[in-house]
């Protein structure tokens, strides 16, 4: 598939996903679906918070490119992550588990990463475990 065809296929996939039941939009084209609700009065991270989370990342063809599951949860400053994570996780409470759909522009954009072609919509299953 040519690069522009791939980019267009990812955009079309995201448009179709937005129409699915239970899928909601946050901002900047980022979509999510709740898998499990945590405590709605629990902490929510800010951009400078250190978060602890388990996650699995996929491309739209279902190819897993990264995961912390089966190992130690990821811990890092939220502001060090891609824009899609920064925006989405600030809406989550500790204990929430969401499937997040991030347009390429809020992920790695036109740049390829290991296992992720440039222009990819990113799908993450994220469980927010802690906020400091």
N, C-alpha and C. Protein backbone atom coordinates (compact mmCIF):
# COMPACT_ATOMS: atom_id res chain seq x y z
N UNK A 1 0.85 -1.18 0.00
CA UNK A 1 0.00 0.00 0.00
C UNK A 1 0.90 1.24 0.00
N UNK A 2 0.59 2.19 -0.84
CA UNK A 2 1.35 3.43 -0.90
C UNK A 2 1.14 4.23 0.38
N UNK A 3 2.11 5.07 0.71
CA UNK A 3 2.07 5.83 1.96
C UNK A 3 0.78 6.65 2.10
N UNK A 4 0.39 7.38 1.06
CA UNK A 4 -0.82 8.21 1.15
C UNK A 4 -2.07 7.35 1.30
N UNK A 5 -2.09 6.20 0.64
CA UNK A 5 -3.22 5.27 0.81
C UNK A 5 -3.30 4.80 2.26
N UNK A 6 -2.14 4.51 2.86
CA UNK A 6 -2.09 4.06 4.25
C UNK A 6 -2.61 5.16 5.19
N UNK A 7 -2.17 6.38 4.97
CA UNK A 7 -2.62 7.52 5.78
C UNK A 7 -4.14 7.68 5.65
N UNK A 8 -4.64 7.62 4.42
CA UNK A 8 -6.09 7.76 4.19
C UNK A 8 -6.87 6.62 4.84
N UNK A 9 -6.36 5.40 4.76
CA UNK A 9 -7.02 4.24 5.39
C UNK A 9 -7.12 4.43 6.90
N UNK A 10 -6.08 4.99 7.51
CA UNK A 10 -6.09 5.25 8.95
C UNK A 10 -7.11 6.32 9.31
N UNK A 11 -7.20 7.35 8.50
CA UNK A 11 -8.19 8.42 8.76
C UNK A 11 -9.62 7.88 8.62
N UNK A 12 -9.85 7.06 7.59
CA UNK A 12 -11.18 6.48 7.39
C UNK A 12 -11.55 5.54 8.54
N UNK A 13 -10.58 4.75 9.00
CA UNK A 13 -10.81 3.84 10.12
C UNK A 13 -11.26 4.63 11.36
N UNK A 14 -10.59 5.75 11.61
CA UNK A 14 -10.92 6.58 12.77
C UNK A 14 -12.32 7.19 12.64
N UNK A 15 -12.67 7.62 11.43
CA UNK A 15 -14.03 8.17 11.21
C UNK A 15 -15.09 7.10 11.48
N UNK A 16 -14.86 5.89 11.03
CA UNK A 16 -15.81 4.80 11.26
C UNK A 16 -15.88 4.46 12.75
N UNK A 17 -14.75 4.46 13.42
CA UNK A 17 -14.70 4.15 14.86
C UNK A 17 -15.52 5.17 15.65
N UNK A 18 -15.50 6.43 15.24
CA UNK A 18 -16.24 7.50 15.93
C UNK A 18 -17.74 7.25 15.92
N UNK A 19 -18.23 6.47 14.97
CA UNK A 19 -19.67 6.20 14.85
C UNK A 19 -20.11 4.99 15.67
N UNK A 20 -19.16 4.24 16.22
CA UNK A 20 -19.50 3.04 16.98
C UNK A 20 -20.12 3.38 18.34
N UNK A 21 -21.00 2.51 18.79
CA UNK A 21 -21.65 2.68 20.08
C UNK A 21 -20.62 2.68 21.21
N UNK A 22 -20.76 3.64 22.12
CA UNK A 22 -19.88 3.71 23.29
C UNK A 22 -18.60 4.47 23.06
N UNK A 23 -18.31 4.85 21.82
CA UNK A 23 -17.08 5.59 21.52
C UNK A 23 -17.39 7.09 21.65
N UNK A 24 -16.54 7.79 22.39
CA UNK A 24 -16.72 9.21 22.63
C UNK A 24 -15.47 9.97 22.20
N UNK A 25 -15.63 11.27 21.92
CA UNK A 25 -14.48 12.10 21.54
C UNK A 25 -14.08 12.97 22.71
N UNK A 26 -12.77 13.11 22.92
CA UNK A 26 -12.25 13.99 23.96
C UNK A 26 -11.96 15.34 23.34
N UNK A 27 -10.91 15.42 22.54
CA UNK A 27 -10.46 16.66 21.90
C UNK A 27 -9.48 16.28 20.80
N UNK A 28 -9.33 17.16 19.82
CA UNK A 28 -8.35 17.00 18.75
C UNK A 28 -8.45 15.66 18.03
N UNK A 29 -9.68 15.14 17.93
CA UNK A 29 -9.90 13.90 17.21
C UNK A 29 -9.59 12.63 17.99
N UNK A 30 -9.21 12.77 19.26
CA UNK A 30 -8.91 11.61 20.09
C UNK A 30 -10.23 11.00 20.56
N UNK A 31 -10.37 9.71 20.36
CA UNK A 31 -11.58 8.98 20.74
C UNK A 31 -11.25 7.99 21.85
N UNK A 32 -12.28 7.60 22.60
CA UNK A 32 -12.06 6.56 23.61
C UNK A 32 -13.34 5.78 23.87
N UNK A 33 -13.13 4.60 24.43
CA UNK A 33 -14.25 3.76 24.86
C UNK A 33 -13.87 3.24 26.24
N UNK A 34 -14.79 3.35 27.20
CA UNK A 34 -14.53 2.90 28.56
C UNK A 34 -14.61 1.37 28.61
N UNK A 35 -13.57 0.76 29.15
CA UNK A 35 -13.57 -0.68 29.38
C UNK A 35 -13.98 -0.94 30.83
N UNK A 36 -13.43 -0.12 31.75
CA UNK A 36 -13.74 -0.26 33.18
C UNK A 36 -13.64 1.12 33.82
N UNK A 37 -14.60 1.44 34.68
CA UNK A 37 -14.56 2.71 35.40
C UNK A 37 -13.87 2.53 36.75
N UNK A 38 -12.99 3.45 37.07
CA UNK A 38 -12.38 3.50 38.39
C UNK A 38 -13.26 4.35 39.30
N UNK A 39 -12.67 4.93 40.31
CA UNK A 39 -13.39 5.80 41.23
C UNK A 39 -13.53 7.19 40.61
N UNK A 40 -14.77 7.63 40.32
CA UNK A 40 -14.95 8.94 39.68
C UNK A 40 -14.47 10.11 40.55
N UNK A 41 -14.24 9.87 41.83
CA UNK A 41 -13.72 10.92 42.72
C UNK A 41 -12.22 10.73 42.96
N UNK A 42 -11.65 9.73 42.30
CA UNK A 42 -10.22 9.45 42.45
C UNK A 42 -9.37 10.47 41.73
N UNK A 43 -8.06 10.42 41.97
CA UNK A 43 -7.16 11.40 41.36
C UNK A 43 -7.11 11.31 39.84
N UNK A 44 -6.88 12.46 39.23
CA UNK A 44 -6.70 12.60 37.79
C UNK A 44 -5.34 13.27 37.57
N UNK A 45 -4.52 12.77 36.64
CA UNK A 45 -3.21 13.38 36.46
C UNK A 45 -3.27 14.74 35.75
N UNK A 46 -2.29 15.56 36.07
CA UNK A 46 -2.04 16.80 35.33
C UNK A 46 -0.84 16.54 34.42
N UNK A 47 -0.51 17.48 33.56
CA UNK A 47 0.58 17.26 32.61
C UNK A 47 1.93 16.96 33.26
N UNK A 48 2.18 17.46 34.45
CA UNK A 48 3.46 17.25 35.12
C UNK A 48 3.41 16.08 36.11
N UNK A 49 2.26 15.42 36.23
CA UNK A 49 2.13 14.27 37.14
C UNK A 49 2.97 13.09 36.65
N UNK A 50 3.40 12.29 37.60
CA UNK A 50 4.02 11.01 37.27
C UNK A 50 2.90 9.98 37.35
N UNK A 51 2.72 9.26 36.25
CA UNK A 51 1.64 8.27 36.18
C UNK A 51 2.22 6.86 36.17
N UNK A 52 1.44 5.94 36.68
CA UNK A 52 1.74 4.52 36.58
C UNK A 52 0.59 3.91 35.82
N UNK A 53 0.89 3.14 34.77
CA UNK A 53 -0.16 2.58 33.93
C UNK A 53 0.30 1.28 33.28
N UNK A 54 -0.68 0.41 33.05
CA UNK A 54 -0.45 -0.73 32.17
C UNK A 54 -1.07 -0.37 30.83
N UNK A 55 -0.46 -0.81 29.77
CA UNK A 55 -0.97 -0.46 28.44
C UNK A 55 -0.57 -1.53 27.42
N UNK A 56 -1.33 -1.56 26.35
CA UNK A 56 -0.97 -2.32 25.16
C UNK A 56 -1.29 -1.42 23.97
N UNK A 57 -0.37 -1.34 23.01
CA UNK A 57 -0.55 -0.50 21.83
C UNK A 57 -0.68 -1.32 20.57
N UNK A 58 -1.62 -0.92 19.70
CA UNK A 58 -1.90 -1.61 18.44
C UNK A 58 -1.99 -0.60 17.30
N UNK A 59 -1.78 -1.08 16.09
CA UNK A 59 -2.13 -0.32 14.90
C UNK A 59 -3.52 -0.78 14.47
N UNK A 60 -4.11 -0.12 13.47
CA UNK A 60 -5.49 -0.44 13.09
C UNK A 60 -5.65 -1.83 12.50
N UNK A 61 -4.55 -2.45 12.07
CA UNK A 61 -4.65 -3.82 11.55
C UNK A 61 -4.52 -4.87 12.65
N UNK A 62 -4.51 -4.40 13.92
CA UNK A 62 -4.47 -5.32 15.05
C UNK A 62 -3.07 -5.74 15.47
N UNK A 63 -2.04 -5.19 14.82
CA UNK A 63 -0.67 -5.56 15.15
C UNK A 63 -0.24 -4.88 16.45
N UNK A 64 0.13 -5.69 17.45
CA UNK A 64 0.60 -5.15 18.73
C UNK A 64 2.03 -4.66 18.55
N UNK A 65 2.30 -3.42 18.93
CA UNK A 65 3.65 -2.88 18.81
C UNK A 65 4.34 -2.67 20.14
N UNK A 66 3.58 -2.69 21.25
CA UNK A 66 4.20 -2.51 22.56
C UNK A 66 3.19 -2.88 23.64
N UNK A 67 3.71 -3.31 24.81
CA UNK A 67 2.83 -3.63 25.93
C UNK A 67 3.63 -3.70 27.22
N UNK A 68 3.00 -3.26 28.31
CA UNK A 68 3.60 -3.43 29.63
C UNK A 68 2.95 -4.59 30.37
N UNK A 69 1.86 -5.12 29.81
CA UNK A 69 1.14 -6.20 30.48
C UNK A 69 2.00 -7.46 30.51
N UNK A 70 1.93 -8.15 31.62
CA UNK A 70 2.78 -9.32 31.80
C UNK A 70 4.13 -8.94 32.39
N UNK A 71 4.29 -7.66 32.69
CA UNK A 71 5.53 -7.15 33.27
C UNK A 71 5.22 -6.04 34.26
N UNK A 72 6.19 -5.17 34.43
CA UNK A 72 6.06 -4.05 35.35
C UNK A 72 5.30 -2.92 34.66
N UNK A 73 4.35 -2.28 35.37
CA UNK A 73 3.65 -1.14 34.76
C UNK A 73 4.63 -0.02 34.42
N UNK A 74 4.28 0.76 33.42
CA UNK A 74 5.07 1.91 33.02
C UNK A 74 4.88 3.02 34.06
N UNK A 75 5.95 3.71 34.41
CA UNK A 75 5.89 4.88 35.29
C UNK A 75 6.71 5.99 34.64
N UNK A 76 6.08 7.14 34.41
CA UNK A 76 6.79 8.27 33.80
C UNK A 76 6.00 9.54 33.99
N UNK A 77 6.64 10.66 33.68
CA UNK A 77 5.95 11.95 33.72
C UNK A 77 5.04 12.03 32.50
N UNK A 78 3.79 12.39 32.72
CA UNK A 78 2.81 12.44 31.64
C UNK A 78 3.28 13.34 30.50
N UNK A 79 3.91 14.46 30.83
CA UNK A 79 4.34 15.42 29.79
C UNK A 79 5.42 14.86 28.87
N UNK A 80 6.03 13.71 29.23
CA UNK A 80 7.06 13.10 28.38
C UNK A 80 6.47 12.18 27.31
N UNK A 81 5.17 12.01 27.29
CA UNK A 81 4.52 11.08 26.38
C UNK A 81 3.96 11.80 25.16
N UNK A 82 3.42 11.01 24.21
CA UNK A 82 2.83 11.61 23.01
C UNK A 82 1.60 12.45 23.40
N UNK A 83 1.28 13.41 22.56
CA UNK A 83 0.18 14.34 22.83
C UNK A 83 -1.14 13.62 23.10
N UNK A 84 -1.41 12.56 22.38
CA UNK A 84 -2.66 11.82 22.58
C UNK A 84 -2.79 11.27 23.98
N UNK A 85 -1.71 10.75 24.53
CA UNK A 85 -1.72 10.25 25.92
C UNK A 85 -1.90 11.40 26.90
N UNK A 86 -1.19 12.51 26.67
CA UNK A 86 -1.27 13.66 27.58
C UNK A 86 -2.72 14.14 27.69
N UNK A 87 -3.39 14.27 26.56
CA UNK A 87 -4.77 14.75 26.54
C UNK A 87 -5.71 13.71 27.16
N UNK A 88 -5.61 12.46 26.76
CA UNK A 88 -6.54 11.43 27.22
C UNK A 88 -6.39 11.12 28.71
N UNK A 89 -5.17 10.96 29.17
CA UNK A 89 -4.99 10.56 30.57
C UNK A 89 -5.43 11.63 31.56
N UNK A 90 -5.42 12.88 31.15
CA UNK A 90 -5.91 13.93 32.05
C UNK A 90 -7.42 13.86 32.25
N UNK A 91 -8.10 13.04 31.46
CA UNK A 91 -9.54 12.83 31.60
C UNK A 91 -9.85 11.58 32.44
N UNK A 92 -8.83 10.78 32.70
CA UNK A 92 -9.02 9.51 33.39
C UNK A 92 -8.80 9.66 34.90
N UNK A 93 -9.45 8.76 35.65
CA UNK A 93 -9.25 8.66 37.10
C UNK A 93 -8.52 7.35 37.38
N UNK A 94 -7.80 7.32 38.50
CA UNK A 94 -7.12 6.09 38.88
C UNK A 94 -8.14 4.94 38.90
N UNK A 95 -7.77 3.84 38.29
CA UNK A 95 -8.66 2.67 38.20
C UNK A 95 -9.40 2.57 36.88
N UNK A 96 -9.45 3.68 36.12
CA UNK A 96 -10.09 3.65 34.80
C UNK A 96 -9.25 2.80 33.85
N UNK A 97 -9.96 2.09 32.98
CA UNK A 97 -9.30 1.39 31.87
C UNK A 97 -10.07 1.76 30.61
N UNK A 98 -9.38 2.39 29.68
CA UNK A 98 -9.99 2.87 28.44
C UNK A 98 -9.24 2.31 27.25
N UNK A 99 -9.97 2.18 26.16
CA UNK A 99 -9.35 1.95 24.87
C UNK A 99 -9.35 3.32 24.19
N UNK A 100 -8.16 3.79 23.81
CA UNK A 100 -8.01 5.13 23.26
C UNK A 100 -7.55 5.03 21.81
N UNK A 101 -8.16 5.84 20.96
CA UNK A 101 -7.86 5.86 19.52
C UNK A 101 -7.27 7.23 19.20
N UNK A 102 -6.00 7.24 18.84
CA UNK A 102 -5.26 8.48 18.68
C UNK A 102 -4.91 8.71 17.21
N UNK A 103 -5.40 9.83 16.63
CA UNK A 103 -5.02 10.12 15.24
C UNK A 103 -3.51 10.35 15.15
N UNK A 104 -2.96 10.08 13.98
CA UNK A 104 -1.51 10.19 13.77
C UNK A 104 -0.96 11.54 14.24
N UNK A 105 -1.70 12.60 14.00
CA UNK A 105 -1.22 13.94 14.36
C UNK A 105 -1.03 14.11 15.86
N UNK A 106 -1.69 13.31 16.67
CA UNK A 106 -1.55 13.37 18.12
C UNK A 106 -0.66 12.24 18.65
N UNK A 107 -0.10 11.46 17.70
CA UNK A 107 0.81 10.38 18.04
C UNK A 107 2.20 10.68 17.52
N UNK A 108 2.63 9.90 16.52
CA UNK A 108 3.97 10.09 15.95
C UNK A 108 3.94 10.81 14.61
N UNK A 109 2.75 11.23 14.17
CA UNK A 109 2.64 11.99 12.93
C UNK A 109 3.14 11.20 11.73
N UNK A 110 3.90 11.86 10.89
CA UNK A 110 4.38 11.22 9.67
C UNK A 110 5.64 10.39 9.90
N UNK A 111 6.15 10.40 11.13
CA UNK A 111 7.39 9.69 11.43
C UNK A 111 7.13 8.24 11.83
N UNK A 112 7.89 7.33 11.29
CA UNK A 112 7.78 5.91 11.64
C UNK A 112 8.51 5.66 12.96
N UNK A 113 8.00 4.68 13.70
CA UNK A 113 8.63 4.19 14.92
C UNK A 113 8.75 2.68 14.75
N UNK A 114 9.54 1.99 15.56
CA UNK A 114 9.61 0.53 15.42
C UNK A 114 8.22 -0.11 15.49
N UNK A 115 7.83 -0.77 14.41
CA UNK A 115 6.53 -1.44 14.35
C UNK A 115 5.36 -0.53 14.04
N UNK A 116 5.63 0.76 13.85
CA UNK A 116 4.55 1.74 13.61
C UNK A 116 4.90 2.57 12.38
N UNK A 117 4.22 2.34 11.25
CA UNK A 117 4.48 3.18 10.07
C UNK A 117 4.04 4.63 10.31
N UNK A 118 4.71 5.57 9.67
CA UNK A 118 4.29 6.97 9.74
C UNK A 118 2.84 7.10 9.26
N UNK A 119 2.10 8.00 9.89
CA UNK A 119 0.69 8.21 9.52
C UNK A 119 -0.27 7.26 10.21
N UNK A 120 0.22 6.51 11.20
CA UNK A 120 -0.62 5.51 11.86
C UNK A 120 -1.54 6.10 12.93
N UNK A 121 -2.80 5.68 12.90
CA UNK A 121 -3.70 5.85 14.03
C UNK A 121 -3.22 4.85 15.08
N UNK A 122 -3.14 5.28 16.33
CA UNK A 122 -2.68 4.41 17.40
C UNK A 122 -3.84 4.01 18.29
N UNK A 123 -3.88 2.76 18.67
CA UNK A 123 -4.90 2.24 19.56
C UNK A 123 -4.19 1.78 20.83
N UNK A 124 -4.63 2.30 21.96
CA UNK A 124 -4.04 1.90 23.23
C UNK A 124 -5.13 1.44 24.18
N UNK A 125 -4.89 0.31 24.83
CA UNK A 125 -5.69 -0.15 25.96
C UNK A 125 -4.89 0.28 27.18
N UNK A 126 -5.38 1.29 27.91
CA UNK A 126 -4.64 1.88 29.03
C UNK A 126 -5.43 1.73 30.32
N UNK A 127 -4.75 1.25 31.35
CA UNK A 127 -5.32 1.22 32.70
C UNK A 127 -4.46 2.12 33.57
N UNK A 128 -5.08 3.18 34.10
CA UNK A 128 -4.38 4.14 34.96
C UNK A 128 -4.34 3.57 36.37
N UNK A 129 -3.13 3.23 36.84
CA UNK A 129 -2.96 2.59 38.14
C UNK A 129 -2.68 3.59 39.25
N UNK A 130 -1.89 4.62 38.95
CA UNK A 130 -1.54 5.58 39.99
C UNK A 130 -1.13 6.93 39.44
N UNK A 131 -1.21 7.94 40.32
CA UNK A 131 -0.84 9.31 39.97
C UNK A 131 -0.06 9.89 41.15
N UNK A 132 1.09 10.50 40.83
CA UNK A 132 1.86 11.18 41.89
C UNK A 132 2.15 12.61 41.46
